[in-house]
Structures are given as structure tokens and as C-alpha cells.
PDB file of N, CA and C in Angstrom:
ATOM      1  N   UNK A   1      -7.930  -9.446 -33.827  1.00  0.00           N
ATOM      2  CA  UNK A   1      -6.642  -8.787 -33.681  1.00  0.00           C
ATOM      3  C   UNK A   1      -5.659  -9.758 -33.047  1.00  0.00           C
ATOM      4  N   UNK A   2      -4.465  -9.752 -33.543  1.00  0.00           N
ATOM      5  CA  UNK A   2      -3.404 -10.580 -32.971  1.00  0.00           C
ATOM      6  C   UNK A   2      -2.904  -9.883 -31.702  1.00  0.00           C
ATOM      7  N   UNK A   3      -2.995 -10.558 -30.577  1.00  0.00           N
ATOM      8  CA  UNK A   3      -2.567  -9.967 -29.316  1.00  0.00           C
ATOM      9  C   UNK A   3      -1.061 -10.062 -29.181  1.00  0.00           C
ATOM     10  N   UNK A   4      -0.441  -8.938 -28.827  1.00  0.00           N
ATOM     11  CA  UNK A   4       1.004  -8.891 -28.637  1.00  0.00           C
ATOM     12  C   UNK A   4       1.326  -7.738 -27.693  1.00  0.00           C
ATOM     13  N   UNK A   5       2.525  -7.742 -27.173  1.00  0.00           N
ATOM     14  CA  UNK A   5       2.971  -6.657 -26.295  1.00  0.00           C
ATOM     15  C   UNK A   5       2.957  -5.357 -27.090  1.00  0.00           C
ATOM     16  N   UNK A   6       2.429  -4.299 -26.488  1.00  0.00           N
ATOM     17  CA  UNK A   6       2.349  -3.007 -27.158  1.00  0.00           C
ATOM     18  C   UNK A   6       3.686  -2.291 -26.997  1.00  0.00           C
ATOM     19  N   UNK A   7       4.362  -2.073 -28.121  1.00  0.00           N
ATOM     20  CA  UNK A   7       5.691  -1.471 -28.080  1.00  0.00           C
ATOM     21  C   UNK A   7       5.724  -0.075 -28.688  1.00  0.00           C
ATOM     22  N   UNK A   8       4.782   0.220 -29.548  1.00  0.00           N
ATOM     23  CA  UNK A   8       4.788   1.520 -30.223  1.00  0.00           C
ATOM     24  C   UNK A   8       3.455   2.230 -30.020  1.00  0.00           C
ATOM     25  N   UNK A   9       3.441   3.490 -30.340  1.00  0.00           N
ATOM     26  CA  UNK A   9       2.210   4.278 -30.250  1.00  0.00           C
ATOM     27  C   UNK A   9       1.163   3.727 -31.225  1.00  0.00           C
ATOM     28  N   UNK A  10       1.631   3.238 -32.366  1.00  0.00           N
ATOM     29  CA  UNK A  10       0.712   2.644 -33.342  1.00  0.00           C
ATOM     30  C   UNK A  10       0.056   1.382 -32.772  1.00  0.00           C
ATOM     31  N   UNK A  11       0.853   0.535 -32.121  1.00  0.00           N
ATOM     32  CA  UNK A  11       0.301  -0.664 -31.466  1.00  0.00           C
ATOM     33  C   UNK A  11      -0.749  -0.256 -30.438  1.00  0.00           C
ATOM     34  N   UNK A  12      -0.419   0.741 -29.657  1.00  0.00           N
ATOM     35  CA  UNK A  12      -1.309   1.243 -28.605  1.00  0.00           C
ATOM     36  C   UNK A  12      -2.627   1.729 -29.206  1.00  0.00           C
ATOM     37  N   UNK A  13      -2.561   2.547 -30.249  1.00  0.00           N
ATOM     38  CA  UNK A  13      -3.771   3.080 -30.874  1.00  0.00           C
ATOM     39  C   UNK A  13      -4.624   1.983 -31.502  1.00  0.00           C
ATOM     40  N   UNK A  14      -3.991   0.997 -32.087  1.00  0.00           N
ATOM     41  CA  UNK A  14      -4.737  -0.126 -32.654  1.00  0.00           C
ATOM     42  C   UNK A  14      -5.453  -0.907 -31.555  1.00  0.00           C
ATOM     43  N   UNK A  15      -4.769  -1.101 -30.448  1.00  0.00           N
ATOM     44  CA  UNK A  15      -5.371  -1.819 -29.322  1.00  0.00           C
ATOM     45  C   UNK A  15      -6.568  -1.041 -28.769  1.00  0.00           C
ATOM     46  N   UNK A  16      -6.427   0.272 -28.647  1.00  0.00           N
ATOM     47  CA  UNK A  16      -7.542   1.098 -28.168  1.00  0.00           C
ATOM     48  C   UNK A  16      -8.736   1.003 -29.117  1.00  0.00           C
ATOM     49  N   UNK A  17      -8.451   1.066 -30.397  1.00  0.00           N
ATOM     50  CA  UNK A  17      -9.511   0.993 -31.406  1.00  0.00           C
ATOM     51  C   UNK A  17     -10.249  -0.345 -31.332  1.00  0.00           C
ATOM     52  N   UNK A  18      -9.487  -1.413 -31.226  1.00  0.00           N
ATOM     53  CA  UNK A  18     -10.101  -2.747 -31.140  1.00  0.00           C
ATOM     54  C   UNK A  18     -10.904  -2.892 -29.853  1.00  0.00           C
ATOM     55  N   UNK A  19     -10.370  -2.405 -28.752  1.00  0.00           N
ATOM     56  CA  UNK A  19     -11.075  -2.500 -27.478  1.00  0.00           C
ATOM     57  C   UNK A  19     -12.396  -1.736 -27.533  1.00  0.00           C
ATOM     58  N   UNK A  20     -12.391  -0.608 -28.189  1.00  0.00           N
ATOM     59  CA  UNK A  20     -13.618   0.180 -28.323  1.00  0.00           C
ATOM     60  C   UNK A  20     -14.708  -0.632 -29.038  1.00  0.00           C
ATOM     61  N   UNK A  21     -14.305  -1.428 -30.027  1.00  0.00           N
ATOM     62  CA  UNK A  21     -15.263  -2.223 -30.803  1.00  0.00           C
ATOM     63  C   UNK A  21     -15.834  -3.398 -30.005  1.00  0.00           C
ATOM     64  N   UNK A  22     -15.019  -3.985 -29.132  1.00  0.00           N
ATOM     65  CA  UNK A  22     -15.456  -5.208 -28.426  1.00  0.00           C
ATOM     66  C   UNK A  22     -15.693  -4.987 -26.934  1.00  0.00           C
ATOM     67  N   UNK A  23     -15.715  -3.737 -26.519  1.00  0.00           N
ATOM     68  CA  UNK A  23     -15.789  -3.405 -25.093  1.00  0.00           C
ATOM     69  C   UNK A  23     -16.981  -4.066 -24.392  1.00  0.00           C
ATOM     70  N   UNK A  24     -18.126  -4.134 -25.035  1.00  0.00           N
ATOM     71  CA  UNK A  24     -19.336  -4.657 -24.394  1.00  0.00           C
ATOM     72  C   UNK A  24     -19.587  -6.133 -24.697  1.00  0.00           C
ATOM     73  N   UNK A  25     -18.571  -6.826 -25.145  1.00  0.00           N
ATOM     74  CA  UNK A  25     -18.712  -8.262 -25.419  1.00  0.00           C
ATOM     75  C   UNK A  25     -18.962  -9.008 -24.105  1.00  0.00           C
ATOM     76  N   UNK A  26     -19.742 -10.068 -24.148  1.00  0.00           N
ATOM     77  CA  UNK A  26     -19.981 -10.865 -22.928  1.00  0.00           C
ATOM     78  C   UNK A  26     -18.665 -11.400 -22.357  1.00  0.00           C
ATOM     79  N   UNK A  27     -18.582 -11.419 -21.043  1.00  0.00           N
ATOM     80  CA  UNK A  27     -17.350 -11.821 -20.355  1.00  0.00           C
ATOM     81  C   UNK A  27     -16.885 -13.227 -20.730  1.00  0.00           C
ATOM     82  N   UNK A  28     -17.813 -14.142 -20.914  1.00  0.00           N
ATOM     83  CA  UNK A  28     -17.427 -15.535 -21.159  1.00  0.00           C
ATOM     84  C   UNK A  28     -17.359 -15.875 -22.650  1.00  0.00           C
ATOM     85  N   UNK A  29     -17.121 -14.866 -23.482  1.00  0.00           N
ATOM     86  CA  UNK A  29     -17.008 -15.086 -24.920  1.00  0.00           C
ATOM     87  C   UNK A  29     -15.556 -14.890 -25.366  1.00  0.00           C
ATOM     88  N   UNK A  30     -15.267 -15.286 -26.598  1.00  0.00           N
ATOM     89  CA  UNK A  30     -13.925 -15.111 -27.156  1.00  0.00           C
ATOM     90  C   UNK A  30     -13.553 -13.618 -27.180  1.00  0.00           C
ATOM     91  N   UNK A  31     -14.512 -12.776 -27.609  1.00  0.00           N
ATOM     92  CA  UNK A  31     -14.247 -11.332 -27.647  1.00  0.00           C
ATOM     93  C   UNK A  31     -14.139 -10.745 -26.245  1.00  0.00           C
ATOM     94  N   UNK A  32     -14.856 -11.302 -25.295  1.00  0.00           N
ATOM     95  CA  UNK A  32     -14.744 -10.859 -23.906  1.00  0.00           C
ATOM     96  C   UNK A  32     -13.359 -11.123 -23.346  1.00  0.00           C
ATOM     97  N   UNK A  33     -12.830 -12.305 -23.651  1.00  0.00           N
ATOM     98  CA  UNK A  33     -11.462 -12.633 -23.238  1.00  0.00           C
ATOM     99  C   UNK A  33     -10.453 -11.712 -23.910  1.00  0.00           C
ATOM    100  N   UNK A  34     -10.687 -11.449 -25.194  1.00  0.00           N
ATOM    101  CA  UNK A  34      -9.798 -10.541 -25.929  1.00  0.00           C
ATOM    102  C   UNK A  34      -9.828  -9.144 -25.317  1.00  0.00           C
ATOM    103  N   UNK A  35     -11.008  -8.682 -24.955  1.00  0.00           N
ATOM    104  CA  UNK A  35     -11.146  -7.351 -24.345  1.00  0.00           C
ATOM    105  C   UNK A  35     -10.397  -7.280 -23.020  1.00  0.00           C
ATOM    106  N   UNK A  36     -10.488  -8.347 -22.243  1.00  0.00           N
ATOM    107  CA  UNK A  36      -9.796  -8.381 -20.956  1.00  0.00           C
ATOM    108  C   UNK A  36      -8.279  -8.336 -21.145  1.00  0.00           C
ATOM    109  N   UNK A  37      -7.774  -9.097 -22.088  1.00  0.00           N
ATOM    110  CA  UNK A  37      -6.335  -9.096 -22.368  1.00  0.00           C
ATOM    111  C   UNK A  37      -5.877  -7.743 -22.926  1.00  0.00           C
ATOM    112  N   UNK A  38      -6.672  -7.172 -23.826  1.00  0.00           N
ATOM    113  CA  UNK A  38      -6.324  -5.855 -24.377  1.00  0.00           C
ATOM    114  C   UNK A  38      -6.260  -4.805 -23.269  1.00  0.00           C
ATOM    115  N   UNK A  39      -7.188  -4.879 -22.339  1.00  0.00           N
ATOM    116  CA  UNK A  39      -7.202  -3.933 -21.223  1.00  0.00           C
ATOM    117  C   UNK A  39      -5.903  -4.020 -20.425  1.00  0.00           C
ATOM    118  N   UNK A  40      -5.450  -5.228 -20.170  1.00  0.00           N
ATOM    119  CA  UNK A  40      -4.191  -5.407 -19.438  1.00  0.00           C
ATOM    120  C   UNK A  40      -3.004  -4.855 -20.222  1.00  0.00           C
ATOM    121  N   UNK A  41      -2.974  -5.125 -21.515  1.00  0.00           N
ATOM    122  CA  UNK A  41      -1.879  -4.621 -22.354  1.00  0.00           C
ATOM    123  C   UNK A  41      -1.887  -3.091 -22.420  1.00  0.00           C
ATOM    124  N   UNK A  42      -3.062  -2.521 -22.548  1.00  0.00           N
ATOM    125  CA  UNK A  42      -3.188  -1.060 -22.619  1.00  0.00           C
ATOM    126  C   UNK A  42      -2.760  -0.425 -21.300  1.00  0.00           C
ATOM    127  N   UNK A  43      -3.209  -0.998 -20.182  1.00  0.00           N
ATOM    128  CA  UNK A  43      -2.821  -0.466 -18.873  1.00  0.00           C
ATOM    129  C   UNK A  43      -1.307  -0.492 -18.693  1.00  0.00           C
ATOM    130  N   UNK A  44      -0.685  -1.592 -19.080  1.00  0.00           N
ATOM    131  CA  UNK A  44       0.770  -1.704 -18.951  1.00  0.00           C
ATOM    132  C   UNK A  44       1.467  -0.645 -19.798  1.00  0.00           C
ATOM    133  N   UNK A  45       1.015  -0.455 -21.025  1.00  0.00           N
ATOM    134  CA  UNK A  45       1.617   0.551 -21.911  1.00  0.00           C
ATOM    135  C   UNK A  45       1.452   1.953 -21.313  1.00  0.00           C
ATOM    136  N   UNK A  46       0.252   2.250 -20.812  1.00  0.00           N
ATOM    137  CA  UNK A  46      -0.009   3.574 -20.238  1.00  0.00           C
ATOM    138  C   UNK A  46       0.821   3.828 -18.989  1.00  0.00           C
ATOM    139  N   UNK A  47       0.985   2.816 -18.156  1.00  0.00           N
ATOM    140  CA  UNK A  47       1.809   2.969 -16.961  1.00  0.00           C
ATOM    141  C   UNK A  47       3.248   3.330 -17.315  1.00  0.00           C
ATOM    142  N   UNK A  48       3.751   2.735 -18.390  1.00  0.00           N
ATOM    143  CA  UNK A  48       5.128   2.976 -18.806  1.00  0.00           C
ATOM    144  C   UNK A  48       5.305   4.286 -19.569  1.00  0.00           C
ATOM    145  N   UNK A  49       4.330   4.650 -20.384  1.00  0.00           N
ATOM    146  CA  UNK A  49       4.488   5.799 -21.274  1.00  0.00           C
ATOM    147  C   UNK A  49       3.721   7.054 -20.845  1.00  0.00           C
ATOM    148  N   UNK A  50       2.714   6.904 -19.998  1.00  0.00           N
ATOM    149  CA  UNK A  50       1.917   8.042 -19.551  1.00  0.00           C
ATOM    150  C   UNK A  50       1.708   7.979 -18.035  1.00  0.00           C
ATOM    151  N   UNK A  51       2.804   7.956 -17.273  1.00  0.00           N
ATOM    152  CA  UNK A  51       2.636   7.831 -15.814  1.00  0.00           C
ATOM    153  C   UNK A  51       1.926   9.054 -15.231  1.00  0.00           C
ATOM    154  N   UNK A  52       1.109   8.799 -14.232  1.00  0.00           N
ATOM    155  CA  UNK A  52       0.412   9.873 -13.526  1.00  0.00           C
ATOM    156  C   UNK A  52       1.070  10.012 -12.161  1.00  0.00           C
ATOM    157  N   UNK A  53       1.599  11.181 -11.913  1.00  0.00           N
ATOM    158  CA  UNK A  53       2.257  11.412 -10.631  1.00  0.00           C
ATOM    159  C   UNK A  53       1.213  11.580  -9.530  1.00  0.00           C
ATOM    160  N   UNK A  54       1.566  11.108  -8.366  1.00  0.00           N
ATOM    161  CA  UNK A  54       0.679  11.258  -7.219  1.00  0.00           C
ATOM    162  C   UNK A  54       0.584  12.729  -6.847  1.00  0.00           C
ATOM    163  N   UNK A  55      -0.571  13.155  -6.340  1.00  0.00           N
ATOM    164  CA  UNK A  55      -0.691  14.554  -5.927  1.00  0.00           C
ATOM    165  C   UNK A  55       0.187  14.818  -4.716  1.00  0.00           C
ATOM    166  N   UNK A  56       0.520  16.093  -4.514  1.00  0.00           N
ATOM    167  CA  UNK A  56       1.283  16.381  -3.305  1.00  0.00           C
ATOM    168  C   UNK A  56       0.370  16.163  -2.090  1.00  0.00           C
ATOM    169  N   UNK A  57       0.946  16.029  -0.910  1.00  0.00           N
ATOM    170  CA  UNK A  57       0.154  15.702   0.277  1.00  0.00           C
ATOM    171  C   UNK A  57      -1.002  16.669   0.548  1.00  0.00           C
ATOM    172  N   UNK A  58      -0.777  17.946   0.349  1.00  0.00           N
ATOM    173  CA  UNK A  58      -1.818  18.935   0.631  1.00  0.00           C
ATOM    174  C   UNK A  58      -2.999  18.738  -0.316  1.00  0.00           C
ATOM    175  N   UNK A  59      -2.713  18.539  -1.593  1.00  0.00           N
ATOM    176  CA  UNK A  59      -3.779  18.315  -2.568  1.00  0.00           C
ATOM    177  C   UNK A  59      -4.507  17.006  -2.280  1.00  0.00           C
ATOM    178  N   UNK A  60      -3.792  15.986  -1.824  1.00  0.00           N
ATOM    179  CA  UNK A  60      -4.419  14.709  -1.480  1.00  0.00           C
ATOM    180  C   UNK A  60      -5.380  14.889  -0.307  1.00  0.00           C
ATOM    181  N   UNK A  61      -4.984  15.665   0.684  1.00  0.00           N
ATOM    182  CA  UNK A  61      -5.849  15.921   1.842  1.00  0.00           C
ATOM    183  C   UNK A  61      -7.089  16.689   1.405  1.00  0.00           C
ATOM    184  N   UNK A  62      -6.899  17.749   0.633  1.00  0.00           N
ATOM    185  CA  UNK A  62      -8.034  18.562   0.179  1.00  0.00           C
ATOM    186  C   UNK A  62      -9.008  17.728  -0.663  1.00  0.00           C
ATOM    187  N   UNK A  63      -8.455  16.885  -1.535  1.00  0.00           N
ATOM    188  CA  UNK A  63      -9.297  16.043  -2.372  1.00  0.00           C
ATOM    189  C   UNK A  63     -10.122  15.089  -1.521  1.00  0.00           C
ATOM    190  N   UNK A  64      -9.476  14.448  -0.541  1.00  0.00           N
ATOM    191  CA  UNK A  64     -10.194  13.501   0.315  1.00  0.00           C
ATOM    192  C   UNK A  64     -11.248  14.211   1.151  1.00  0.00           C
ATOM    193  N   UNK A  65     -10.920  15.408   1.632  1.00  0.00           N
ATOM    194  CA  UNK A  65     -11.899  16.182   2.397  1.00  0.00           C
ATOM    195  C   UNK A  65     -13.114  16.494   1.534  1.00  0.00           C
ATOM    196  N   UNK A  66     -12.874  16.871   0.300  1.00  0.00           N
ATOM    197  CA  UNK A  66     -13.970  17.180  -0.620  1.00  0.00           C
ATOM    198  C   UNK A  66     -14.831  15.945  -0.855  1.00  0.00           C
ATOM    199  N   UNK A  67     -14.195  14.803  -1.048  1.00  0.00           N
ATOM    200  CA  UNK A  67     -14.929  13.552  -1.252  1.00  0.00           C
ATOM    201  C   UNK A  67     -15.831  13.240  -0.063  1.00  0.00           C
ATOM    202  N   UNK A  68     -15.333  13.525   1.126  1.00  0.00           N
ATOM    203  CA  UNK A  68     -16.054  13.180   2.343  1.00  0.00           C
ATOM    204  C   UNK A  68     -16.978  14.299   2.820  1.00  0.00           C
ATOM    205  N   UNK A  69     -16.947  15.451   2.138  1.00  0.00           N
ATOM    206  CA  UNK A  69     -17.751  16.594   2.583  1.00  0.00           C
ATOM    207  C   UNK A  69     -17.274  17.126   3.917  1.00  0.00           C
ATOM    208  N   UNK A  70     -15.990  17.048   4.141  1.00  0.00           N
ATOM    209  CA  UNK A  70     -15.393  17.418   5.428  1.00  0.00           C
ATOM    210  C   UNK A  70     -14.990  18.892   5.446  1.00  0.00           C
ATOM    211  N   UNK A  71     -15.146  19.515   6.593  1.00  0.00           N
ATOM    212  CA  UNK A  71     -14.759  20.920   6.756  1.00  0.00           C
ATOM    213  C   UNK A  71     -13.363  21.012   7.385  1.00  0.00           C
ATOM    214  N   UNK A  72     -12.796  22.220   7.325  1.00  0.00           N
ATOM    215  CA  UNK A  72     -11.505  22.446   7.981  1.00  0.00           C
ATOM    216  C   UNK A  72     -11.616  22.210   9.481  1.00  0.00           C
ATOM    217  N   UNK A  73     -12.764  22.549  10.053  1.00  0.00           N
ATOM    218  CA  UNK A  73     -12.971  22.347  11.488  1.00  0.00           C
ATOM    219  C   UNK A  73     -12.901  20.854  11.832  1.00  0.00           C
ATOM    220  N   UNK A  74     -13.490  20.024  10.993  1.00  0.00           N
ATOM    221  CA  UNK A  74     -13.452  18.576  11.231  1.00  0.00           C
ATOM    222  C   UNK A  74     -12.031  18.036  11.080  1.00  0.00           C
ATOM    223  N   UNK A  75     -11.290  18.590  10.127  1.00  0.00           N
ATOM    224  CA  UNK A  75      -9.889  18.184   9.974  1.00  0.00           C
ATOM    225  C   UNK A  75      -9.084  18.614  11.198  1.00  0.00           C
ATOM    226  N   UNK A  76      -9.400  19.797  11.726  1.00  0.00           N
ATOM    227  CA  UNK A  76      -8.708  20.286  12.921  1.00  0.00           C
ATOM    228  C   UNK A  76      -8.928  19.346  14.104  1.00  0.00           C
ATOM    229  N   UNK A  77     -10.097  18.745  14.171  1.00  0.00           N
ATOM    230  CA  UNK A  77     -10.373  17.787  15.248  1.00  0.00           C
ATOM    231  C   UNK A  77      -9.481  16.556  15.128  1.00  0.00           C
ATOM    232  N   UNK A  78      -9.140  16.200  13.914  1.00  0.00           N
ATOM    233  CA  UNK A  78      -8.242  15.057  13.696  1.00  0.00           C
ATOM    234  C   UNK A  78      -6.804  15.437  14.038  1.00  0.00           C
ATOM    235  N   UNK A  79      -6.381  16.613  13.574  1.00  0.00           N
ATOM    236  CA  UNK A  79      -4.993  17.039  13.760  1.00  0.00           C
ATOM    237  C   UNK A  79      -4.732  17.677  15.121  1.00  0.00           C
ATOM    238  N   UNK A  80      -5.767  18.169  15.760  1.00  0.00           N
ATOM    239  CA  UNK A  80      -5.589  18.715  17.097  1.00  0.00           C
ATOM    240  C   UNK A  80      -5.795  20.210  17.226  1.00  0.00           C
ATOM    241  N   UNK A  81      -5.420  21.005  16.237  1.00  0.00           N
ATOM    242  CA  UNK A  81      -5.523  22.455  16.344  1.00  0.00           C
ATOM    243  C   UNK A  81      -6.034  23.051  15.039  1.00  0.00           C
ATOM    244  N   UNK A  82      -6.939  24.035  15.160  1.00  0.00           N
ATOM    245  CA  UNK A  82      -7.469  24.705  13.974  1.00  0.00           C
ATOM    246  C   UNK A  82      -6.369  25.480  13.252  1.00  0.00           C
ATOM    247  N   UNK A  83      -5.478  26.094  14.020  1.00  0.00           N
ATOM    248  CA  UNK A  83      -4.409  26.887  13.407  1.00  0.00           C
ATOM    249  C   UNK A  83      -3.473  26.006  12.583  1.00  0.00           C
ATOM    250  N   UNK A  84      -3.324  24.752  12.974  1.00  0.00           N
ATOM    251  CA  UNK A  84      -2.456  23.832  12.224  1.00  0.00           C
ATOM    252  C   UNK A  84      -2.989  23.597  10.820  1.00  0.00           C
ATOM    253  N   UNK A  85      -4.309  23.506  10.694  1.00  0.00           N
ATOM    254  CA  UNK A  85      -4.900  23.262   9.381  1.00  0.00           C
ATOM    255  C   UNK A  85      -4.553  24.405   8.439  1.00  0.00           C
ATOM    256  N   UNK A  86      -4.726  25.632   8.882  1.00  0.00           N
ATOM    257  CA  UNK A  86      -4.415  26.762   7.997  1.00  0.00           C
ATOM    258  C   UNK A  86      -2.917  26.849   7.725  1.00  0.00           C
ATOM    259  N   UNK A  87      -2.087  26.533   8.710  1.00  0.00           N
ATOM    260  CA  UNK A  87      -0.635  26.535   8.488  1.00  0.00           C
ATOM    261  C   UNK A  87      -0.227  25.456   7.488  1.00  0.00           C
ATOM    262  N   UNK A  88      -0.849  24.300   7.581  1.00  0.00           N
ATOM    263  CA  UNK A  88      -0.539  23.209   6.649  1.00  0.00           C
ATOM    264  C   UNK A  88      -1.006  23.570   5.247  1.00  0.00           C
ATOM    265  N   UNK A  89      -2.243  24.062   5.134  1.00  0.00           N
ATOM    266  CA  UNK A  89      -2.777  24.411   3.816  1.00  0.00           C
ATOM    267  C   UNK A  89      -2.034  25.575   3.175  1.00  0.00           C
ATOM    268  N   UNK A  90      -1.489  26.479   3.987  1.00  0.00           N
ATOM    269  CA  UNK A  90      -0.698  27.585   3.424  1.00  0.00           C
ATOM    270  C   UNK A  90       0.766  27.172   3.238  1.00  0.00           C
ATOM    271  N   UNK A  91       1.065  25.928   3.610  1.00  0.00           N
ATOM    272  CA  UNK A  91       2.399  25.332   3.453  1.00  0.00           C
ATOM    273  C   UNK A  91       3.451  25.986   4.349  1.00  0.00           C
ATOM    274  N   UNK A  92       2.996  26.552   5.457  1.00  0.00           N
ATOM    275  CA  UNK A  92       3.928  27.116   6.433  1.00  0.00           C
ATOM    276  C   UNK A  92       4.389  26.049   7.415  1.00  0.00           C
ATOM    277  N   UNK A  93       3.608  24.990   7.542  1.00  0.00           N
ATOM    278  CA  UNK A  93       3.951  23.883   8.440  1.00  0.00           C
ATOM    279  C   UNK A  93       3.899  22.586   7.647  1.00  0.00           C
ATOM    280  N   UNK A  94       4.907  21.753   7.837  1.00  0.00           N
ATOM    281  CA  UNK A  94       4.952  20.436   7.190  1.00  0.00           C
ATOM    282  C   UNK A  94       4.181  19.432   8.048  1.00  0.00           C
ATOM    283  N   UNK A  95       3.706  18.404   7.416  1.00  0.00           N
ATOM    284  CA  UNK A  95       3.062  17.322   8.150  1.00  0.00           C
ATOM    285  C   UNK A  95       4.121  16.576   8.957  1.00  0.00           C
ATOM    286  N   UNK A  96       3.811  16.280  10.211  1.00  0.00           N
ATOM    287  CA  UNK A  96       4.735  15.466  10.995  1.00  0.00           C
ATOM    288  C   UNK A  96       4.239  14.017  10.998  1.00  0.00           C
ATOM    289  N   UNK A  97       5.021  13.136  11.543  1.00  0.00           N
ATOM    290  CA  UNK A  97       4.708  11.711  11.518  1.00  0.00           C
ATOM    291  C   UNK A  97       3.371  11.406  12.195  1.00  0.00           C
ATOM    292  N   UNK A  98       3.098  12.062  13.306  1.00  0.00           N
ATOM    293  CA  UNK A  98       1.844  11.844  14.016  1.00  0.00           C
ATOM    294  C   UNK A  98       0.648  12.267  13.153  1.00  0.00           C
ATOM    295  N   UNK A  99       0.768  13.410  12.484  1.00  0.00           N
ATOM    296  CA  UNK A  99      -0.304  13.882  11.602  1.00  0.00           C
ATOM    297  C   UNK A  99      -0.520  12.902  10.451  1.00  0.00           C
ATOM    298  N   UNK A 100       0.567  12.434   9.870  1.00  0.00           N
ATOM    299  CA  UNK A 100       0.482  11.492   8.755  1.00  0.00           C
ATOM    300  C   UNK A 100      -0.249  10.223   9.185  1.00  0.00           C
ATOM    301  N   UNK A 101       0.085   9.730  10.355  1.00  0.00           N
ATOM    302  CA  UNK A 101      -0.588   8.524  10.858  1.00  0.00           C
ATOM    303  C   UNK A 101      -2.084   8.764  11.055  1.00  0.00           C
ATOM    304  N   UNK A 102      -2.434   9.909  11.651  1.00  0.00           N
ATOM    305  CA  UNK A 102      -3.848  10.227  11.881  1.00  0.00           C
ATOM    306  C   UNK A 102      -4.605  10.386  10.565  1.00  0.00           C
ATOM    307  N   UNK A 103      -4.000  11.076   9.607  1.00  0.00           N
ATOM    308  CA  UNK A 103      -4.655  11.281   8.312  1.00  0.00           C
ATOM    309  C   UNK A 103      -4.864   9.950   7.579  1.00  0.00           C
ATOM    310  N   UNK A 104      -3.884   9.084   7.688  1.00  0.00           N
ATOM    311  CA  UNK A 104      -4.015   7.768   7.063  1.00  0.00           C
ATOM    312  C   UNK A 104      -5.129   6.967   7.740  1.00  0.00           C
ATOM    313  N   UNK A 105      -5.129   6.985   9.056  1.00  0.00           N
ATOM    314  CA  UNK A 105      -6.097   6.203   9.815  1.00  0.00           C
ATOM    315  C   UNK A 105      -7.527   6.736   9.658  1.00  0.00           C
ATOM    316  N   UNK A 106      -7.699   8.030   9.786  1.00  0.00           N
ATOM    317  CA  UNK A 106      -9.047   8.624   9.794  1.00  0.00           C
ATOM    318  C   UNK A 106      -9.602   8.906   8.403  1.00  0.00           C
ATOM    319  N   UNK A 107      -8.733   9.291   7.466  1.00  0.00           N
ATOM    320  CA  UNK A 107      -9.207   9.665   6.130  1.00  0.00           C
ATOM    321  C   UNK A 107      -8.859   8.628   5.074  1.00  0.00           C
ATOM    322  N   UNK A 108      -8.097   7.612   5.480  1.00  0.00           N
ATOM    323  CA  UNK A 108      -7.704   6.531   4.564  1.00  0.00           C
ATOM    324  C   UNK A 108      -6.923   7.053   3.353  1.00  0.00           C
ATOM    325  N   UNK A 109      -6.064   8.033   3.598  1.00  0.00           N
ATOM    326  CA  UNK A 109      -5.178   8.548   2.551  1.00  0.00           C
ATOM    327  C   UNK A 109      -3.921   7.687   2.575  1.00  0.00           C
ATOM    328  N   UNK A 110      -3.490   7.169   1.435  1.00  0.00           N
ATOM    329  CA  UNK A 110      -2.301   6.305   1.423  1.00  0.00           C
ATOM    330  C   UNK A 110      -1.064   7.022   1.970  1.00  0.00           C
ATOM    331  N   UNK A 111      -0.263   6.287   2.704  1.00  0.00           N
ATOM    332  CA  UNK A 111       0.978   6.845   3.241  1.00  0.00           C
ATOM    333  C   UNK A 111       1.841   7.454   2.137  1.00  0.00           C
ATOM    334  N   UNK A 112       1.880   6.778   0.974  1.00  0.00           N
ATOM    335  CA  UNK A 112       2.721   7.260  -0.129  1.00  0.00           C
ATOM    336  C   UNK A 112       2.360   8.681  -0.533  1.00  0.00           C
ATOM    337  N   UNK A 113       1.070   8.995  -0.483  1.00  0.00           N
ATOM    338  CA  UNK A 113       0.645  10.353  -0.847  1.00  0.00           C
ATOM    339  C   UNK A 113       1.015  11.364   0.231  1.00  0.00           C
ATOM    340  N   UNK A 114       0.966  10.938   1.479  1.00  0.00           N
ATOM    341  CA  UNK A 114       1.213  11.855   2.592  1.00  0.00           C
ATOM    342  C   UNK A 114       2.690  12.143   2.835  1.00  0.00           C
ATOM    343  N   UNK A 115       3.576  11.238   2.427  1.00  0.00           N
ATOM    344  CA  UNK A 115       5.003  11.450   2.702  1.00  0.00           C
ATOM    345  C   UNK A 115       5.749  12.052   1.517  1.00  0.00           C
ATOM    346  N   UNK A 116       5.056  12.273   0.403  1.00  0.00           N
ATOM    347  CA  UNK A 116       5.724  12.833  -0.773  1.00  0.00           C
ATOM    348  C   UNK A 116       6.207  14.245  -0.491  1.00  0.00           C
ATOM    349  N   UNK A 117       7.264  14.656  -1.195  1.00  0.00           N
ATOM    350  CA  UNK A 117       7.784  16.019  -1.059  1.00  0.00           C
ATOM    351  C   UNK A 117       6.778  17.019  -1.580  1.00  0.00           C
ATOM    352  N   UNK A 118       6.749  18.166  -0.939  1.00  0.00           N
ATOM    353  CA  UNK A 118       5.910  19.271  -1.392  1.00  0.00           C
ATOM    354  C   UNK A 118       6.515  20.568  -0.957  1.00  0.00           C
TER     355      UNK A 118
END
């Protein structure tokens, strides 16, 4: 396949099809290099045409808690009060700067996810 910038949906679909055929090529082969370049081109096209929005802060917290097997009680220990957790999850209380810092530090949630509007 001739490698080029993906500008149309047809280009994108052709690139996906070709990548599917050569996906398991050895890394140090001609097809391996082609697969690596196709992956970069496909990612760039998807970022521009199929952006994925970040989850709102509450969903990001819940997702991270689920990943870590964390309970609301454990989150309350980070934030300071059990009632705050239920207020935050019910969206009656917004995250403040101190909470955002603690959540980032303790749960490794990106700041960008925690400061988004919700």
C-alpha cells in the first residue's frame, strides 16, 4: 500500500484493511514498519474525525474507584468526610481545589478530568 496522509473515509478504511492484514508482521520487517506507520496515520485520522470526550469528573472518580476496588468509605478518607462523597456523587457539591489535588495525588486521576465542567 502506498502510504499517505488519510484525508477521506475511504483512505481510512483502506488503511484499516491493510493494517488488519499485516498487523502481526515482525517488527523489524518491511511490513512491520508499514504497520507502525499505518497505526500512526490511523490514530491521527481518528483523533481528528472521531474525538472521544473526557468523562465528567464524577464518572472519572467512579471509574478509577472501580479499577482500584475502592469503596465510598475509602474515598471519604481521602476527601475527609463521608457525607461529602454522597454530596459529590449526587452532584450537590462541586469538587474544590483541595479535593482535586487529593484525588489527583491519591488516585492518579488527571487534573484535566477533574476540572472539567459537569
